[in-house]
Protein backbone atom coordinates (compact mmCIF):
# COMPACT_ATOMS: atom_id res chain seq x y z
CA MET A 1 -30.55 -3.19 -45.05
CA ARG A 2 -27.29 -1.25 -45.41
CA ARG A 3 -27.59 -0.16 -41.76
CA LYS A 4 -27.90 -3.80 -40.61
CA ILE A 5 -24.76 -4.76 -42.56
CA VAL A 6 -22.75 -1.85 -41.11
CA LEU A 7 -24.00 -2.69 -37.59
CA GLY A 8 -23.13 -6.36 -38.10
CA LEU A 9 -19.61 -5.48 -39.28
CA ALA A 10 -19.14 -3.16 -36.29
CA VAL A 11 -20.19 -5.93 -33.88
CA CYS A 12 -17.85 -8.42 -35.60
CA LEU A 13 -14.95 -5.94 -35.47
CA ALA A 14 -15.58 -5.17 -31.79
CA THR A 15 -15.79 -8.90 -30.96
CA PHE A 16 -12.57 -9.60 -32.87
CA THR A 17 -10.77 -6.71 -31.14
CA ILE A 18 -11.83 -7.90 -27.68
CA ALA A 19 -10.90 -11.52 -28.48
CA ALA A 20 -7.48 -10.43 -29.78
CA TRP A 21 -6.86 -8.31 -26.68
CA ILE A 22 -7.81 -11.21 -24.37
CA HIS A 23 -5.61 -13.59 -26.35
CA LEU A 24 -2.61 -11.27 -26.17
CA ARG A 25 -3.10 -10.56 -22.46
CA THR A 26 -3.62 -14.20 -21.40
CA ASN A 27 -0.75 -15.55 -23.49
CA HIS A 28 1.60 -12.98 -22.01
CA LEU A 29 3.90 -14.30 -19.27
CA GLY A 30 1.91 -14.03 -16.07
CA GLY A 31 -1.53 -13.97 -17.70
CA ILE A 32 -3.99 -11.10 -17.48
CA LEU A 33 -2.54 -9.79 -14.23
CA PRO A 34 1.21 -10.33 -14.23
CA SER A 35 2.59 -11.01 -10.78
CA VAL A 36 4.33 -8.25 -8.87
CA TYR A 37 6.64 -10.56 -7.01
CA ALA A 38 10.14 -9.38 -6.34
CA GLN A 39 12.79 -11.56 -7.90
CA GLY A 40 12.63 -14.77 -5.90
CA GLY A 41 9.68 -13.55 -3.81
CA CYS A 42 9.83 -12.02 -0.35
CA SER A 43 10.13 -13.10 3.26
CA LEU A 44 10.51 -11.45 6.66
CA GLY A 45 14.20 -11.07 5.86
CA THR A 46 13.42 -8.87 2.85
CA VAL A 47 12.37 -6.06 5.23
CA ILE A 48 15.50 -5.51 7.28
CA GLY A 49 17.55 -2.48 8.23
CA SER A 50 16.82 1.20 8.76
CA TYR A 51 14.07 2.99 6.82
CA ALA A 52 13.04 6.64 6.58
CA TYR A 53 9.42 7.40 5.83
CA ALA A 54 7.05 10.30 5.22
CA GLY A 55 3.35 10.49 4.63
CA THR A 56 0.42 12.87 4.65
CA GLY A 57 -3.14 11.91 5.39
CA LEU A 58 -6.50 12.60 6.97
CA ALA A 59 -8.14 11.22 10.10
CA THR A 60 -11.51 11.40 11.82
CA GLN A 61 -12.64 10.34 15.27
CA GLY A 62 -16.27 10.04 14.15
CA PRO A 63 -18.18 7.29 12.36
CA VAL A 64 -17.09 6.32 8.85
CA PRO A 65 -17.72 6.78 6.05
CA ALA A 66 -17.71 10.49 6.81
CA ASN A 67 -17.91 13.76 4.95
CA ILE A 68 -14.51 15.28 4.13
CA THR A 69 -15.22 18.12 6.57
CA ALA A 70 -15.10 15.58 9.44
CA PHE A 71 -11.43 14.82 8.74
CA THR A 72 -8.33 16.54 10.15
CA PRO A 73 -5.17 16.69 8.01
CA PHE A 74 -1.89 15.33 9.37
CA THR A 75 1.62 14.57 8.27
CA GLN A 76 4.27 12.34 9.77
CA VAL A 77 7.97 11.70 9.20
CA GLY A 78 10.03 9.09 10.97
CA LEU A 79 12.63 6.40 11.08
CA PHE A 80 12.30 2.72 11.93
CA THR A 81 14.55 -0.28 12.08
CA ALA A 82 13.30 -3.74 11.10
CA ASP A 83 15.16 -6.82 12.35
CA GLY A 84 14.22 -9.14 9.47
CA ALA A 85 12.46 -11.46 11.94
CA GLY A 86 9.14 -9.63 12.24
CA ASN A 87 9.97 -6.90 14.77
CA ALA A 88 10.56 -3.19 14.28
CA SER A 89 10.91 -0.03 16.35
CA GLY A 90 11.22 3.62 15.55
CA SER A 91 10.40 7.23 16.23
CA PHE A 92 8.42 9.92 14.46
CA THR A 93 7.31 13.53 14.42
CA LEU A 94 3.61 14.10 13.81
CA SER A 95 1.76 17.29 12.91
CA PHE A 96 -1.95 16.69 13.46
CA GLY A 97 -4.18 19.62 12.58
CA GLY A 98 -1.24 21.92 13.20
CA LEU A 99 -0.25 20.49 16.59
CA SER A 100 3.16 18.79 16.56
CA SER A 101 4.40 15.95 18.75
CA THR A 102 7.04 13.25 18.76
CA ALA A 103 6.75 9.63 19.82
CA THR A 104 8.36 6.21 19.64
CA PHE A 105 6.76 2.93 18.60
CA SER A 106 7.31 -0.80 18.36
CA ALA A 107 5.79 -3.09 15.76
CA THR A 108 5.41 -6.65 14.64
CA TYR A 109 5.12 -7.43 10.94
CA THR A 110 4.56 -10.27 8.51
CA VAL A 111 5.68 -10.59 4.89
CA ALA A 112 4.16 -13.06 2.41
CA ALA A 113 5.99 -14.64 -0.53
CA ASP A 114 4.07 -12.32 -2.90
CA CYS A 115 5.74 -9.31 -1.20
CA THR A 116 2.62 -8.13 0.61
CA GLY A 117 2.56 -7.73 4.35
CA SER A 118 0.95 -6.25 7.40
CA SER A 119 2.04 -4.70 10.66
CA ILE A 120 0.61 -3.83 14.05
CA ASN A 121 2.24 -0.79 15.61
CA THR A 122 2.02 0.34 19.23
CA ASP A 123 3.26 3.78 20.21
CA ALA A 124 4.72 4.67 23.62
CA GLY A 125 1.28 5.92 24.74
CA GLY A 126 -0.33 2.55 23.98
CA SER A 127 -2.17 3.55 20.77
CA VAL A 128 -2.36 0.64 18.34
CA THR A 129 -2.46 1.13 14.54
CA HIS A 130 -2.69 -1.37 11.69
CA PHE A 131 -1.06 -1.27 8.26
CA ASN A 132 -0.89 -3.25 5.04
CA PHE A 133 2.10 -2.87 2.75
CA VAL A 134 3.83 -3.94 -0.43
CA VAL A 135 7.58 -4.54 -0.52
CA ALA A 136 9.25 -3.16 -3.65
CA ASP A 137 12.74 -2.95 -5.13
CA ALA A 138 14.10 -6.01 -3.27
CA GLY A 139 13.14 -4.48 0.09
CA ASN A 140 14.57 -1.02 -0.59
CA GLN A 141 11.05 0.49 -0.56
CA VAL A 142 7.93 -0.31 1.39
CA LYS A 143 4.61 1.20 0.25
CA VAL A 144 2.24 1.38 3.22
CA VAL A 145 -1.44 2.17 3.84
CA GLN A 146 -3.11 2.44 7.24
CA THR A 147 -6.13 0.15 7.58
CA ASP A 148 -7.77 1.51 10.74
CA PRO A 149 -11.27 2.96 10.24
CA GLY A 150 -11.17 6.75 10.01
CA ALA A 151 -7.57 6.95 8.73
CA VAL A 152 -6.68 7.84 5.15
CA TRP A 153 -2.91 7.61 5.04
CA ALA A 154 -0.32 6.31 2.58
CA VAL A 155 3.40 6.23 3.25
CA THR A 156 6.55 5.33 1.37
CA ALA A 157 9.45 4.03 3.45
CA ILE A 158 12.93 3.95 1.91
CA ARG A 159 15.80 1.81 3.22
CA GLN A 160 18.74 3.97 4.30
C-alpha cells in the first residue's frame, strides 16, 4: 500500500513538473521555440558586401549514406561579394585530400524574412553546388551548410 502511495505521488509530481515546464515555455514570448529572426527580419539586402569564409568538411564520390572511410577530408577559404540583389561572386583556395587548387565562382541566392536562405554556386569549371544558410548578426555573419549528397561541410562567412 505504501509503495502505491509513493508511486502515485511520484507520478503526480512528474506530471506537475512537466505541466509547469510547458506552461512556462509556451507563455514565454515566442512560445516553445522562440523565433530566430533578426531585428526586423531579413531580405536579399541583408546579405550585401564582402565576406571572408572558411570551412572544413568531408566529401565522397560514391553512394550515400557511406562509411566514413569513403570520405576525403577537405578545407576551403575564400572571399565573396554579395550585391544585395541575389547575386554573388568570389574566389577560393581548396585543399582536397592534400591537393590544393584555386578557383572562382558565381552564385545566385535567396533570403527569406526568417533569415534563412539558399544559394546555387557555379565555379569557373562548371561545377554546381547547393547551400542552405542562416543570416545572423544583422547580416554580419552567414552560417552555411552544403546540401549536395556526399558533402559534409559547414562554413561561417563574416562580413569584412
